[in-house]
């Protein structure tokens, strides 16, 4: 009688996505620190930064929590703007100019903060 292990947990990676090979190379202390700083600035591990640089030749910066929070705020304000536009078109209500100005100022502020982060 054969005992089988119950299935569960994370599924196995396919052979195509499994990273089983190691690439090693030497750098000077200065080069190492420079690469480490660049990886940290991109919110990537040193391995992921080096892998992206070697394989694709370009680095895709990982979005940080602050940027995600700002995008979430923009989405909420976009919903408010859509509701005001609906009221304007459906009922001809034109008394929301102050709210529209507030939303526009908010968008300008958040976009400015995002530009500073990126």
PDB file of N, CA and C in Angstrom:
ATOM      1  N   UNK A   1       0.848  -1.172   0.000  1.00  0.00           N
ATOM      2  CA  UNK A   1       0.000   0.000   0.000  1.00  0.00           C
ATOM      3  C   UNK A   1       0.895   1.237   0.000  1.00  0.00           C
ATOM      4  N   UNK A   2       0.599   2.161  -0.908  1.00  0.00           N
ATOM      5  CA  UNK A   2       1.416   3.362  -1.058  1.00  0.00           C
ATOM      6  C   UNK A   2       0.732   4.541  -0.367  1.00  0.00           C
ATOM      7  N   UNK A   3       1.474   5.253   0.441  1.00  0.00           N
ATOM      8  CA  UNK A   3       0.938   6.420   1.134  1.00  0.00           C
ATOM      9  C   UNK A   3       1.241   7.647   0.290  1.00  0.00           C
ATOM     10  N   UNK A   4       0.202   8.424  -0.010  1.00  0.00           N
ATOM     11  CA  UNK A   4       0.400   9.642  -0.802  1.00  0.00           C
ATOM     12  C   UNK A   4       0.290  10.850   0.107  1.00  0.00           C
ATOM     13  N   UNK A   5       1.093  11.803  -0.181  1.00  0.00           N
ATOM     14  CA  UNK A   5       1.106  13.045   0.587  1.00  0.00           C
ATOM     15  C   UNK A   5      -0.096  13.893   0.157  1.00  0.00           C
ATOM     16  N   UNK A   6      -0.846  14.441   1.103  1.00  0.00           N
ATOM     17  CA  UNK A   6      -1.982  15.282   0.710  1.00  0.00           C
ATOM     18  C   UNK A   6      -1.508  16.530  -0.030  1.00  0.00           C
ATOM     19  N   UNK A   7      -2.271  16.878  -1.063  1.00  0.00           N
ATOM     20  CA  UNK A   7      -1.908  18.071  -1.827  1.00  0.00           C
ATOM     21  C   UNK A   7      -2.335  19.308  -1.056  1.00  0.00           C
ATOM     22  N   UNK A   8      -1.596  20.347  -1.255  1.00  0.00           N
ATOM     23  CA  UNK A   8      -1.908  21.599  -0.596  1.00  0.00           C
ATOM     24  C   UNK A   8      -0.731  22.532  -0.741  1.00  0.00           C
ATOM     25  N   UNK A   9      -0.930  23.753  -0.373  1.00  0.00           N
ATOM     26  CA  UNK A   9       0.158  24.714  -0.468  1.00  0.00           C
ATOM     27  C   UNK A   9       0.289  25.299  -1.861  1.00  0.00           C
ATOM     28  N   UNK A  10       1.426  25.870  -2.092  1.00  0.00           N
ATOM     29  CA  UNK A  10       1.697  26.563  -3.352  1.00  0.00           C
ATOM     30  C   UNK A  10       1.947  25.557  -4.465  1.00  0.00           C
ATOM     31  N   UNK A  11       1.344  25.767  -5.645  1.00  0.00           N
ATOM     32  CA  UNK A  11       1.602  24.855  -6.760  1.00  0.00           C
ATOM     33  C   UNK A  11       3.042  24.972  -7.244  1.00  0.00           C
ATOM     34  N   UNK A  12       3.565  23.905  -7.813  1.00  0.00           N
ATOM     35  CA  UNK A  12       4.930  23.907  -8.330  1.00  0.00           C
ATOM     36  C   UNK A  12       5.021  24.791  -9.561  1.00  0.00           C
ATOM     37  N   UNK A  13       6.184  25.430  -9.718  1.00  0.00           N
ATOM     38  CA  UNK A  13       6.433  26.243 -10.906  1.00  0.00           C
ATOM     39  C   UNK A  13       6.706  25.326 -12.085  1.00  0.00           C
ATOM     40  N   UNK A  14       6.352  25.805 -13.278  1.00  0.00           N
ATOM     41  CA  UNK A  14       6.657  25.024 -14.473  1.00  0.00           C
ATOM     42  C   UNK A  14       8.158  25.098 -14.742  1.00  0.00           C
ATOM     43  N   UNK A  15       8.644  24.193 -15.551  1.00  0.00           N
ATOM     44  CA  UNK A  15      10.075  24.153 -15.864  1.00  0.00           C
ATOM     45  C   UNK A  15      10.526  25.438 -16.549  1.00  0.00           C
ATOM     46  N   UNK A  16       9.619  26.075 -17.306  1.00  0.00           N
ATOM     47  CA  UNK A  16       9.975  27.302 -18.026  1.00  0.00           C
ATOM     48  C   UNK A  16      10.175  28.484 -17.086  1.00  0.00           C
ATOM     49  N   UNK A  17       9.449  28.519 -15.973  1.00  0.00           N
ATOM     50  CA  UNK A  17       9.549  29.660 -15.062  1.00  0.00           C
ATOM     51  C   UNK A  17      10.458  29.400 -13.867  1.00  0.00           C
ATOM     52  N   UNK A  18      10.881  28.165 -13.688  1.00  0.00           N
ATOM     53  CA  UNK A  18      11.745  27.829 -12.563  1.00  0.00           C
ATOM     54  C   UNK A  18      13.150  28.381 -12.794  1.00  0.00           C
ATOM     55  N   UNK A  19      13.651  29.113 -11.839  1.00  0.00           N
ATOM     56  CA  UNK A  19      15.005  29.680 -11.939  1.00  0.00           C
ATOM     57  C   UNK A  19      15.963  28.740 -11.227  1.00  0.00           C
ATOM     58  N   UNK A  20      16.640  27.935 -12.015  1.00  0.00           N
ATOM     59  CA  UNK A  20      17.502  26.918 -11.426  1.00  0.00           C
ATOM     60  C   UNK A  20      18.985  27.181 -11.681  1.00  0.00           C
ATOM     61  N   UNK A  21      19.317  28.161 -12.481  1.00  0.00           N
ATOM     62  CA  UNK A  21      20.709  28.448 -12.824  1.00  0.00           C
ATOM     63  C   UNK A  21      21.182  29.705 -12.103  1.00  0.00           C
ATOM     64  N   UNK A  22      22.478  29.755 -11.805  1.00  0.00           N
ATOM     65  CA  UNK A  22      23.069  30.893 -11.118  1.00  0.00           C
ATOM     66  C   UNK A  22      24.084  31.558 -12.034  1.00  0.00           C
ATOM     67  N   UNK A  23      24.046  32.885 -12.064  1.00  0.00           N
ATOM     68  CA  UNK A  23      25.037  33.667 -12.807  1.00  0.00           C
ATOM     69  C   UNK A  23      25.801  34.482 -11.773  1.00  0.00           C
ATOM     70  N   UNK A  24      27.126  34.384 -11.795  1.00  0.00           N
ATOM     71  CA  UNK A  24      27.948  35.123 -10.835  1.00  0.00           C
ATOM     72  C   UNK A  24      28.977  35.943 -11.588  1.00  0.00           C
ATOM     73  N   UNK A  25      29.220  37.151 -11.082  1.00  0.00           N
ATOM     74  CA  UNK A  25      30.294  37.973 -11.634  1.00  0.00           C
ATOM     75  C   UNK A  25      30.803  38.885 -10.537  1.00  0.00           C
ATOM     76  N   UNK A  26      31.993  39.369 -10.714  1.00  0.00           N
ATOM     77  CA  UNK A  26      32.635  40.197  -9.694  1.00  0.00           C
ATOM     78  C   UNK A  26      32.544  41.674 -10.073  1.00  0.00           C
ATOM     79  N   UNK A  27      32.381  42.490  -9.035  1.00  0.00           N
ATOM     80  CA  UNK A  27      32.355  43.945  -9.202  1.00  0.00           C
ATOM     81  C   UNK A  27      33.207  44.562  -8.102  1.00  0.00           C
ATOM     82  N   UNK A  28      33.602  45.804  -8.310  1.00  0.00           N
ATOM     83  CA  UNK A  28      34.354  46.507  -7.266  1.00  0.00           C
ATOM     84  C   UNK A  28      33.382  46.943  -6.173  1.00  0.00           C
ATOM     85  N   UNK A  29      33.916  47.370  -5.056  1.00  0.00           N
ATOM     86  CA  UNK A  29      33.080  47.846  -3.950  1.00  0.00           C
ATOM     87  C   UNK A  29      32.232  49.028  -4.399  1.00  0.00           C
ATOM     88  N   UNK A  30      32.834  49.943  -5.156  1.00  0.00           N
ATOM     89  CA  UNK A  30      32.112  51.120  -5.653  1.00  0.00           C
ATOM     90  C   UNK A  30      30.965  50.709  -6.582  1.00  0.00           C
ATOM     91  N   UNK A  31      31.237  49.773  -7.485  1.00  0.00           N
ATOM     92  CA  UNK A  31      30.194  49.304  -8.406  1.00  0.00           C
ATOM     93  C   UNK A  31      29.071  48.606  -7.644  1.00  0.00           C
ATOM     94  N   UNK A  32      29.452  47.809  -6.654  1.00  0.00           N
ATOM     95  CA  UNK A  32      28.458  47.106  -5.854  1.00  0.00           C
ATOM     96  C   UNK A  32      27.531  48.089  -5.143  1.00  0.00           C
ATOM     97  N   UNK A  33      28.108  49.111  -4.522  1.00  0.00           N
ATOM     98  CA  UNK A  33      27.302  50.106  -3.812  1.00  0.00           C
ATOM     99  C   UNK A  33      26.398  50.868  -4.773  1.00  0.00           C
ATOM    100  N   UNK A  34      26.906  51.174  -5.963  1.00  0.00           N
ATOM    101  CA  UNK A  34      26.108  51.887  -6.960  1.00  0.00           C
ATOM    102  C   UNK A  34      24.904  51.037  -7.398  1.00  0.00           C
ATOM    103  N   UNK A  35      25.145  49.771  -7.684  1.00  0.00           N
ATOM    104  CA  UNK A  35      24.056  48.880  -8.100  1.00  0.00           C
ATOM    105  C   UNK A  35      23.061  48.694  -6.961  1.00  0.00           C
ATOM    106  N   UNK A  36      23.565  48.571  -5.751  1.00  0.00           N
ATOM    107  CA  UNK A  36      22.697  48.411  -4.591  1.00  0.00           C
ATOM    108  C   UNK A  36      21.793  49.635  -4.406  1.00  0.00           C
ATOM    109  N   UNK A  37      22.361  50.851  -4.563  1.00  0.00           N
ATOM    110  CA  UNK A  37      21.569  52.083  -4.446  1.00  0.00           C
ATOM    111  C   UNK A  37      20.493  52.139  -5.527  1.00  0.00           C
ATOM    112  N   UNK A  38      20.870  51.792  -6.750  1.00  0.00           N
ATOM    113  CA  UNK A  38      19.910  51.826  -7.857  1.00  0.00           C
ATOM    114  C   UNK A  38      18.776  50.825  -7.635  1.00  0.00           C
ATOM    115  N   UNK A  39      19.107  49.652  -7.144  1.00  0.00           N
ATOM    116  CA  UNK A  39      18.082  48.640  -6.874  1.00  0.00           C
ATOM    117  C   UNK A  39      17.125  49.132  -5.796  1.00  0.00           C
ATOM    118  N   UNK A  40      17.673  49.735  -4.750  1.00  0.00           N
ATOM    119  CA  UNK A  40      16.836  50.248  -3.667  1.00  0.00           C
ATOM    120  C   UNK A  40      15.940  51.377  -4.165  1.00  0.00           C
ATOM    121  N   UNK A  41      16.461  52.249  -5.025  1.00  0.00           N
ATOM    122  CA  UNK A  41      15.669  53.353  -5.577  1.00  0.00           C
ATOM    123  C   UNK A  41      14.506  52.842  -6.418  1.00  0.00           C
ATOM    124  N   UNK A  42      14.664  51.657  -7.001  1.00  0.00           N
ATOM    125  CA  UNK A  42      13.608  51.057  -7.828  1.00  0.00           C
ATOM    126  C   UNK A  42      12.709  50.122  -7.030  1.00  0.00           C
ATOM    127  N   UNK A  43      12.921  50.039  -5.718  1.00  0.00           N
ATOM    128  CA  UNK A  43      12.164  49.131  -4.850  1.00  0.00           C
ATOM    129  C   UNK A  43      12.303  47.679  -5.295  1.00  0.00           C
ATOM    130  N   UNK A  44      13.494  47.299  -5.740  1.00  0.00           N
ATOM    131  CA  UNK A  44      13.765  45.934  -6.183  1.00  0.00           C
ATOM    132  C   UNK A  44      14.887  45.334  -5.346  1.00  0.00           C
ATOM    133  N   UNK A  45      14.894  44.017  -5.269  1.00  0.00           N
ATOM    134  CA  UNK A  45      16.037  43.356  -4.645  1.00  0.00           C
ATOM    135  C   UNK A  45      17.214  43.465  -5.604  1.00  0.00           C
ATOM    136  N   UNK A  46      18.395  43.260  -5.082  1.00  0.00           N
ATOM    137  CA  UNK A  46      19.588  43.313  -5.915  1.00  0.00           C
ATOM    138  C   UNK A  46      19.513  42.261  -7.026  1.00  0.00           C
ATOM    139  N   UNK A  47      19.036  41.061  -6.689  1.00  0.00           N
ATOM    140  CA  UNK A  47      18.910  39.993  -7.690  1.00  0.00           C
ATOM    141  C   UNK A  47      17.921  40.365  -8.786  1.00  0.00           C
ATOM    142  N   UNK A  48      16.762  40.893  -8.394  1.00  0.00           N
ATOM    143  CA  UNK A  48      15.745  41.255  -9.394  1.00  0.00           C
ATOM    144  C   UNK A  48      16.233  42.399 -10.273  1.00  0.00           C
ATOM    145  N   UNK A  49      16.919  43.359  -9.681  1.00  0.00           N
ATOM    146  CA  UNK A  49      17.466  44.476 -10.453  1.00  0.00           C
ATOM    147  C   UNK A  49      18.469  43.968 -11.489  1.00  0.00           C
ATOM    148  N   UNK A  50      19.398  43.127 -11.046  1.00  0.00           N
ATOM    149  CA  UNK A  50      20.418  42.590 -11.954  1.00  0.00           C
ATOM    150  C   UNK A  50      19.780  41.724 -13.033  1.00  0.00           C
ATOM    151  N   UNK A  51      18.782  40.914 -12.664  1.00  0.00           N
ATOM    152  CA  UNK A  51      18.112  40.052 -13.630  1.00  0.00           C
ATOM    153  C   UNK A  51      17.445  40.885 -14.722  1.00  0.00           C
ATOM    154  N   UNK A  52      16.722  41.929 -14.326  1.00  0.00           N
ATOM    155  CA  UNK A  52      16.062  42.783 -15.319  1.00  0.00           C
ATOM    156  C   UNK A  52      17.082  43.477 -16.211  1.00  0.00           C
ATOM    157  N   UNK A  53      18.175  43.952 -15.619  1.00  0.00           N
ATOM    158  CA  UNK A  53      19.198  44.650 -16.403  1.00  0.00           C
ATOM    159  C   UNK A  53      19.842  43.716 -17.422  1.00  0.00           C
ATOM    160  N   UNK A  54      20.128  42.500 -17.022  1.00  0.00           N
ATOM    161  CA  UNK A  54      20.814  41.557 -17.911  1.00  0.00           C
ATOM    162  C   UNK A  54      19.861  40.985 -18.956  1.00  0.00           C
ATOM    163  N   UNK A  55      18.679  40.567 -18.551  1.00  0.00           N
ATOM    164  CA  UNK A  55      17.769  39.869 -19.459  1.00  0.00           C
ATOM    165  C   UNK A  55      17.099  40.816 -20.447  1.00  0.00           C
ATOM    166  N   UNK A  56      16.562  41.933 -19.958  1.00  0.00           N
ATOM    167  CA  UNK A  56      15.800  42.804 -20.860  1.00  0.00           C
ATOM    168  C   UNK A  56      16.513  44.106 -21.197  1.00  0.00           C
ATOM    169  N   UNK A  57      17.532  44.456 -20.441  1.00  0.00           N
ATOM    170  CA  UNK A  57      18.250  45.695 -20.712  1.00  0.00           C
ATOM    171  C   UNK A  57      17.560  46.929 -20.170  1.00  0.00           C
ATOM    172  N   UNK A  58      16.415  46.769 -19.532  1.00  0.00           N
ATOM    173  CA  UNK A  58      15.734  47.908 -18.917  1.00  0.00           C
ATOM    174  C   UNK A  58      15.161  47.491 -17.570  1.00  0.00           C
ATOM    175  N   UNK A  59      15.061  48.465 -16.695  1.00  0.00           N
ATOM    176  CA  UNK A  59      14.636  48.199 -15.325  1.00  0.00           C
ATOM    177  C   UNK A  59      13.216  48.717 -15.148  1.00  0.00           C
ATOM    178  N   UNK A  60      12.308  47.854 -14.718  1.00  0.00           N
ATOM    179  CA  UNK A  60      10.934  48.248 -14.426  1.00  0.00           C
ATOM    180  C   UNK A  60      10.841  48.505 -12.928  1.00  0.00           C
ATOM    181  N   UNK A  61      10.676  49.772 -12.569  1.00  0.00           N
ATOM    182  CA  UNK A  61      10.622  50.163 -11.165  1.00  0.00           C
ATOM    183  C   UNK A  61       9.348  49.622 -10.531  1.00  0.00           C
ATOM    184  N   UNK A  62       9.473  49.031  -9.352  1.00  0.00           N
ATOM    185  CA  UNK A  62       8.312  48.537  -8.626  1.00  0.00           C
ATOM    186  C   UNK A  62       7.615  49.718  -7.950  1.00  0.00           C
ATOM    187  N   UNK A  63       6.313  49.784  -8.070  1.00  0.00           N
ATOM    188  CA  UNK A  63       5.541  50.884  -7.492  1.00  0.00           C
ATOM    189  C   UNK A  63       5.490  50.710  -5.981  1.00  0.00           C
ATOM    190  N   UNK A  64       5.778  51.796  -5.265  1.00  0.00           N
ATOM    191  CA  UNK A  64       5.790  51.759  -3.812  1.00  0.00           C
ATOM    192  C   UNK A  64       4.412  51.988  -3.213  1.00  0.00           C
ATOM    193  N   UNK A  65       4.317  51.848  -1.895  1.00  0.00           N
ATOM    194  CA  UNK A  65       3.030  51.988  -1.209  1.00  0.00           C
ATOM    195  C   UNK A  65       2.501  53.410  -1.293  1.00  0.00           C
ATOM    196  N   UNK A  66       3.382  54.404  -1.268  1.00  0.00           N
ATOM    197  CA  UNK A  66       2.941  55.798  -1.356  1.00  0.00           C
ATOM    198  C   UNK A  66       2.303  56.069  -2.713  1.00  0.00           C
ATOM    199  N   UNK A  67       2.916  55.570  -3.784  1.00  0.00           N
ATOM    200  CA  UNK A  67       2.353  55.768  -5.113  1.00  0.00           C
ATOM    201  C   UNK A  67       1.005  55.063  -5.239  1.00  0.00           C
ATOM    202  N   UNK A  68       0.889  53.852  -4.680  1.00  0.00           N
ATOM    203  CA  UNK A  68      -0.383  53.131  -4.721  1.00  0.00           C
ATOM    204  C   UNK A  68      -1.466  53.893  -3.964  1.00  0.00           C
ATOM    205  N   UNK A  69      -1.092  54.493  -2.830  1.00  0.00           N
ATOM    206  CA  UNK A  69      -2.062  55.272  -2.055  1.00  0.00           C
ATOM    207  C   UNK A  69      -2.536  56.481  -2.852  1.00  0.00           C
ATOM    208  N   UNK A  70      -1.603  57.159  -3.542  1.00  0.00           N
ATOM    209  CA  UNK A  70      -1.973  58.322  -4.342  1.00  0.00           C
ATOM    210  C   UNK A  70      -2.884  57.929  -5.505  1.00  0.00           C
ATOM    211  N   UNK A  71      -2.609  56.810  -6.141  1.00  0.00           N
ATOM    212  CA  UNK A  71      -3.463  56.341  -7.233  1.00  0.00           C
ATOM    213  C   UNK A  71      -4.856  56.018  -6.699  1.00  0.00           C
ATOM    214  N   UNK A  72      -4.926  55.435  -5.518  1.00  0.00           N
ATOM    215  CA  UNK A  72      -6.212  55.127  -4.901  1.00  0.00           C
ATOM    216  C   UNK A  72      -7.004  56.406  -4.632  1.00  0.00           C
ATOM    217  N   UNK A  73      -6.332  57.442  -4.135  1.00  0.00           N
ATOM    218  CA  UNK A  73      -6.997  58.728  -3.904  1.00  0.00           C
ATOM    219  C   UNK A  73      -7.508  59.318  -5.213  1.00  0.00           C
ATOM    220  N   UNK A  74      -6.693  59.232  -6.261  1.00  0.00           N
ATOM    221  CA  UNK A  74      -7.122  59.735  -7.571  1.00  0.00           C
ATOM    222  C   UNK A  74      -8.363  59.000  -8.059  1.00  0.00           C
ATOM    223  N   UNK A  75      -8.423  57.712  -7.829  1.00  0.00           N
ATOM    224  CA  UNK A  75      -9.571  56.920  -8.260  1.00  0.00           C
ATOM    225  C   UNK A  75     -10.833  57.350  -7.526  1.00  0.00           C
ATOM    226  N   UNK A  76     -10.726  57.577  -6.218  1.00  0.00           N
ATOM    227  CA  UNK A  76     -11.898  58.027  -5.453  1.00  0.00           C
ATOM    228  C   UNK A  76     -12.388  59.382  -5.950  1.00  0.00           C
ATOM    229  N   UNK A  77     -11.459  60.297  -6.190  1.00  0.00           N
ATOM    230  CA  UNK A  77     -11.851  61.621  -6.672  1.00  0.00           C
ATOM    231  C   UNK A  77     -12.419  61.549  -8.087  1.00  0.00           C
ATOM    232  N   UNK A  78     -11.905  60.627  -8.901  1.00  0.00           N
ATOM    233  CA  UNK A  78     -12.447  60.449 -10.247  1.00  0.00           C
ATOM    234  C   UNK A  78     -13.912  60.033 -10.166  1.00  0.00           C
ATOM    235  N   UNK A  79     -14.241  59.171  -9.200  1.00  0.00           N
ATOM    236  CA  UNK A  79     -15.632  58.766  -9.019  1.00  0.00           C
ATOM    237  C   UNK A  79     -16.498  59.967  -8.659  1.00  0.00           C
ATOM    238  N   UNK A  80     -16.003  60.840  -7.780  1.00  0.00           N
ATOM    239  CA  UNK A  80     -16.745  62.058  -7.432  1.00  0.00           C
ATOM    240  C   UNK A  80     -16.966  62.925  -8.661  1.00  0.00           C
ATOM    241  N   UNK A  81     -15.941  63.070  -9.465  1.00  0.00           N
ATOM    242  CA  UNK A  81     -16.033  63.881 -10.675  1.00  0.00           C
ATOM    243  C   UNK A  81     -17.051  63.289 -11.645  1.00  0.00           C
ATOM    244  N   UNK A  82     -17.065  61.969 -11.783  1.00  0.00           N
ATOM    245  CA  UNK A  82     -18.041  61.323 -12.659  1.00  0.00           C
ATOM    246  C   UNK A  82     -19.465  61.544 -12.166  1.00  0.00           C
ATOM    247  N   UNK A  83     -19.671  61.505 -10.854  1.00  0.00           N
ATOM    248  CA  UNK A  83     -21.004  61.748 -10.303  1.00  0.00           C
ATOM    249  C   UNK A  83     -21.457  63.180 -10.579  1.00  0.00           C
ATOM    250  N   UNK A  84     -20.550  64.137 -10.434  1.00  0.00           N
ATOM    251  CA  UNK A  84     -20.899  65.532 -10.721  1.00  0.00           C
ATOM    252  C   UNK A  84     -21.208  65.725 -12.202  1.00  0.00           C
ATOM    253  N   UNK A  85     -20.441  65.086 -13.063  1.00  0.00           N
ATOM    254  CA  UNK A  85     -20.702  65.185 -14.502  1.00  0.00           C
ATOM    255  C   UNK A  85     -22.053  64.576 -14.837  1.00  0.00           C
ATOM    256  N   UNK A  86     -22.396  63.461 -14.195  1.00  0.00           N
ATOM    257  CA  UNK A  86     -23.695  62.839 -14.423  1.00  0.00           C
ATOM    258  C   UNK A  86     -24.821  63.784 -14.017  1.00  0.00           C
ATOM    259  N   UNK A  87     -24.702  64.409 -12.835  1.00  0.00           N
ATOM    260  CA  UNK A  87     -25.729  65.358 -12.387  1.00  0.00           C
ATOM    261  C   UNK A  87     -25.870  66.512 -13.367  1.00  0.00           C
ATOM    262  N   UNK A  88     -24.744  67.008 -13.846  1.00  0.00           N
ATOM    263  CA  UNK A  88     -24.761  68.123 -14.796  1.00  0.00           C
ATOM    264  C   UNK A  88     -25.505  67.732 -16.069  1.00  0.00           C
ATOM    265  N   UNK A  89     -25.195  66.562 -16.612  1.00  0.00           N
ATOM    266  CA  UNK A  89     -25.808  66.147 -17.874  1.00  0.00           C
ATOM    267  C   UNK A  89     -27.254  65.699 -17.696  1.00  0.00           C
ATOM    268  N   UNK A  90     -27.556  65.003 -16.608  1.00  0.00           N
ATOM    269  CA  UNK A  90     -28.891  64.447 -16.420  1.00  0.00           C
ATOM    270  C   UNK A  90     -29.903  65.493 -15.982  1.00  0.00           C
ATOM    271  N   UNK A  91     -29.494  66.392 -15.087  1.00  0.00           N
ATOM    272  CA  UNK A  91     -30.452  67.319 -14.498  1.00  0.00           C
ATOM    273  C   UNK A  91     -30.143  68.779 -14.790  1.00  0.00           C
ATOM    274  N   UNK A  92     -29.071  69.045 -15.466  1.00  0.00           N
ATOM    275  CA  UNK A  92     -28.715  70.426 -15.765  1.00  0.00           C
ATOM    276  C   UNK A  92     -28.302  71.201 -14.526  1.00  0.00           C
ATOM    277  N   UNK A  93     -27.844  70.517 -13.515  1.00  0.00           N
ATOM    278  CA  UNK A  93     -27.431  71.162 -12.271  1.00  0.00           C
ATOM    279  C   UNK A  93     -26.042  71.754 -12.488  1.00  0.00           C
ATOM    280  N   UNK A  94     -25.944  73.075 -12.379  1.00  0.00           N
ATOM    281  CA  UNK A  94     -24.668  73.745 -12.643  1.00  0.00           C
ATOM    282  C   UNK A  94     -24.095  74.399 -11.395  1.00  0.00           C
ATOM    283  N   UNK A  95     -24.575  74.013 -10.229  1.00  0.00           N
ATOM    284  CA  UNK A  95     -24.144  74.683  -9.001  1.00  0.00           C
ATOM    285  C   UNK A  95     -22.995  73.957  -8.299  1.00  0.00           C
ATOM    286  N   UNK A  96     -22.250  73.148  -9.013  1.00  0.00           N
ATOM    287  CA  UNK A  96     -21.176  72.377  -8.397  1.00  0.00           C
ATOM    288  C   UNK A  96     -19.796  72.898  -8.777  1.00  0.00           C
ATOM    289  N   UNK A  97     -19.715  74.166  -9.133  1.00  0.00           N
ATOM    290  CA  UNK A  97     -18.437  74.712  -9.585  1.00  0.00           C
ATOM    291  C   UNK A  97     -17.377  74.659  -8.488  1.00  0.00           C
ATOM    292  N   UNK A  98     -17.765  74.940  -7.244  1.00  0.00           N
ATOM    293  CA  UNK A  98     -16.800  74.903  -6.138  1.00  0.00           C
ATOM    294  C   UNK A  98     -16.233  73.495  -5.958  1.00  0.00           C
ATOM    295  N   UNK A  99     -17.108  72.499  -6.038  1.00  0.00           N
ATOM    296  CA  UNK A  99     -16.652  71.117  -5.889  1.00  0.00           C
ATOM    297  C   UNK A  99     -15.728  70.730  -7.037  1.00  0.00           C
ATOM    298  N   UNK A 100     -16.044  71.149  -8.236  1.00  0.00           N
ATOM    299  CA  UNK A 100     -15.193  70.862  -9.389  1.00  0.00           C
ATOM    300  C   UNK A 100     -13.828  71.528  -9.237  1.00  0.00           C
ATOM    301  N   UNK A 101     -13.796  72.759  -8.752  1.00  0.00           N
ATOM    302  CA  UNK A 101     -12.526  73.454  -8.531  1.00  0.00           C
ATOM    303  C   UNK A 101     -11.692  72.737  -7.468  1.00  0.00           C
ATOM    304  N   UNK A 102     -12.357  72.254  -6.414  1.00  0.00           N
ATOM    305  CA  UNK A 102     -11.659  71.511  -5.362  1.00  0.00           C
ATOM    306  C   UNK A 102     -11.039  70.236  -5.931  1.00  0.00           C
ATOM    307  N   UNK A 103     -11.799  69.526  -6.753  1.00  0.00           N
ATOM    308  CA  UNK A 103     -11.294  68.286  -7.344  1.00  0.00           C
ATOM    309  C   UNK A 103     -10.127  68.578  -8.274  1.00  0.00           C
ATOM    310  N   UNK A 104     -10.207  69.642  -9.063  1.00  0.00           N
ATOM    311  CA  UNK A 104      -9.107  70.001  -9.962  1.00  0.00           C
ATOM    312  C   UNK A 104      -7.839  70.343  -9.180  1.00  0.00           C
ATOM    313  N   UNK A 105      -7.984  71.086  -8.073  1.00  0.00           N
ATOM    314  CA  UNK A 105      -6.826  71.396  -7.234  1.00  0.00           C
ATOM    315  C   UNK A 105      -6.230  70.118  -6.647  1.00  0.00           C
ATOM    316  N   UNK A 106      -7.117  69.211  -6.219  1.00  0.00           N
ATOM    317  CA  UNK A 106      -6.664  67.939  -5.669  1.00  0.00           C
ATOM    318  C   UNK A 106      -5.870  67.156  -6.713  1.00  0.00           C
ATOM    319  N   UNK A 107      -6.391  67.079  -7.937  1.00  0.00           N
ATOM    320  CA  UNK A 107      -5.686  66.381  -9.016  1.00  0.00           C
ATOM    321  C   UNK A 107      -4.318  67.011  -9.264  1.00  0.00           C
ATOM    322  N   UNK A 108      -4.253  68.336  -9.315  1.00  0.00           N
ATOM    323  CA  UNK A 108      -2.971  69.008  -9.532  1.00  0.00           C
ATOM    324  C   UNK A 108      -1.971  68.663  -8.428  1.00  0.00           C
ATOM    325  N   UNK A 109      -2.444  68.652  -7.181  1.00  0.00           N
ATOM    326  CA  UNK A 109      -1.570  68.349  -6.045  1.00  0.00           C
ATOM    327  C   UNK A 109      -1.055  66.909  -6.107  1.00  0.00           C
ATOM    328  N   UNK A 110      -1.954  65.965  -6.349  1.00  0.00           N
ATOM    329  CA  UNK A 110      -1.560  64.555  -6.367  1.00  0.00           C
ATOM    330  C   UNK A 110      -0.644  64.262  -7.551  1.00  0.00           C
ATOM    331  N   UNK A 111      -0.942  64.829  -8.698  1.00  0.00           N
ATOM    332  CA  UNK A 111      -0.092  64.625  -9.872  1.00  0.00           C
ATOM    333  C   UNK A 111       1.300  65.202  -9.614  1.00  0.00           C
ATOM    334  N   UNK A 112       1.373  66.356  -8.952  1.00  0.00           N
ATOM    335  CA  UNK A 112       2.669  66.931  -8.599  1.00  0.00           C
ATOM    336  C   UNK A 112       3.455  66.023  -7.671  1.00  0.00           C
ATOM    337  N   UNK A 113       2.769  65.423  -6.678  1.00  0.00           N
ATOM    338  CA  UNK A 113       3.447  64.510  -5.754  1.00  0.00           C
ATOM    339  C   UNK A 113       3.905  63.245  -6.465  1.00  0.00           C
ATOM    340  N   UNK A 114       3.088  62.746  -7.386  1.00  0.00           N
ATOM    341  CA  UNK A 114       3.488  61.559  -8.146  1.00  0.00           C
ATOM    342  C   UNK A 114       4.705  61.846  -9.012  1.00  0.00           C
ATOM    343  N   UNK A 115       4.749  63.020  -9.629  1.00  0.00           N
ATOM    344  CA  UNK A 115       5.895  63.379 -10.466  1.00  0.00           C
ATOM    345  C   UNK A 115       7.170  63.445  -9.630  1.00  0.00           C
ATOM    346  N   UNK A 116       7.065  63.952  -8.390  1.00  0.00           N
ATOM    347  CA  UNK A 116       8.233  64.006  -7.509  1.00  0.00           C
ATOM    348  C   UNK A 116       8.716  62.599  -7.164  1.00  0.00           C
ATOM    349  N   UNK A 117       7.778  61.665  -6.963  1.00  0.00           N
ATOM    350  CA  UNK A 117       8.132  60.290  -6.598  1.00  0.00           C
ATOM    351  C   UNK A 117       8.771  59.552  -7.760  1.00  0.00           C
ATOM    352  N   UNK A 118       8.309  59.838  -8.971  1.00  0.00           N
ATOM    353  CA  UNK A 118       8.815  59.114 -10.136  1.00  0.00           C
ATOM    354  C   UNK A 118       9.966  59.875 -10.708  1.00  0.00           C
TER     355      UNK A 118
END
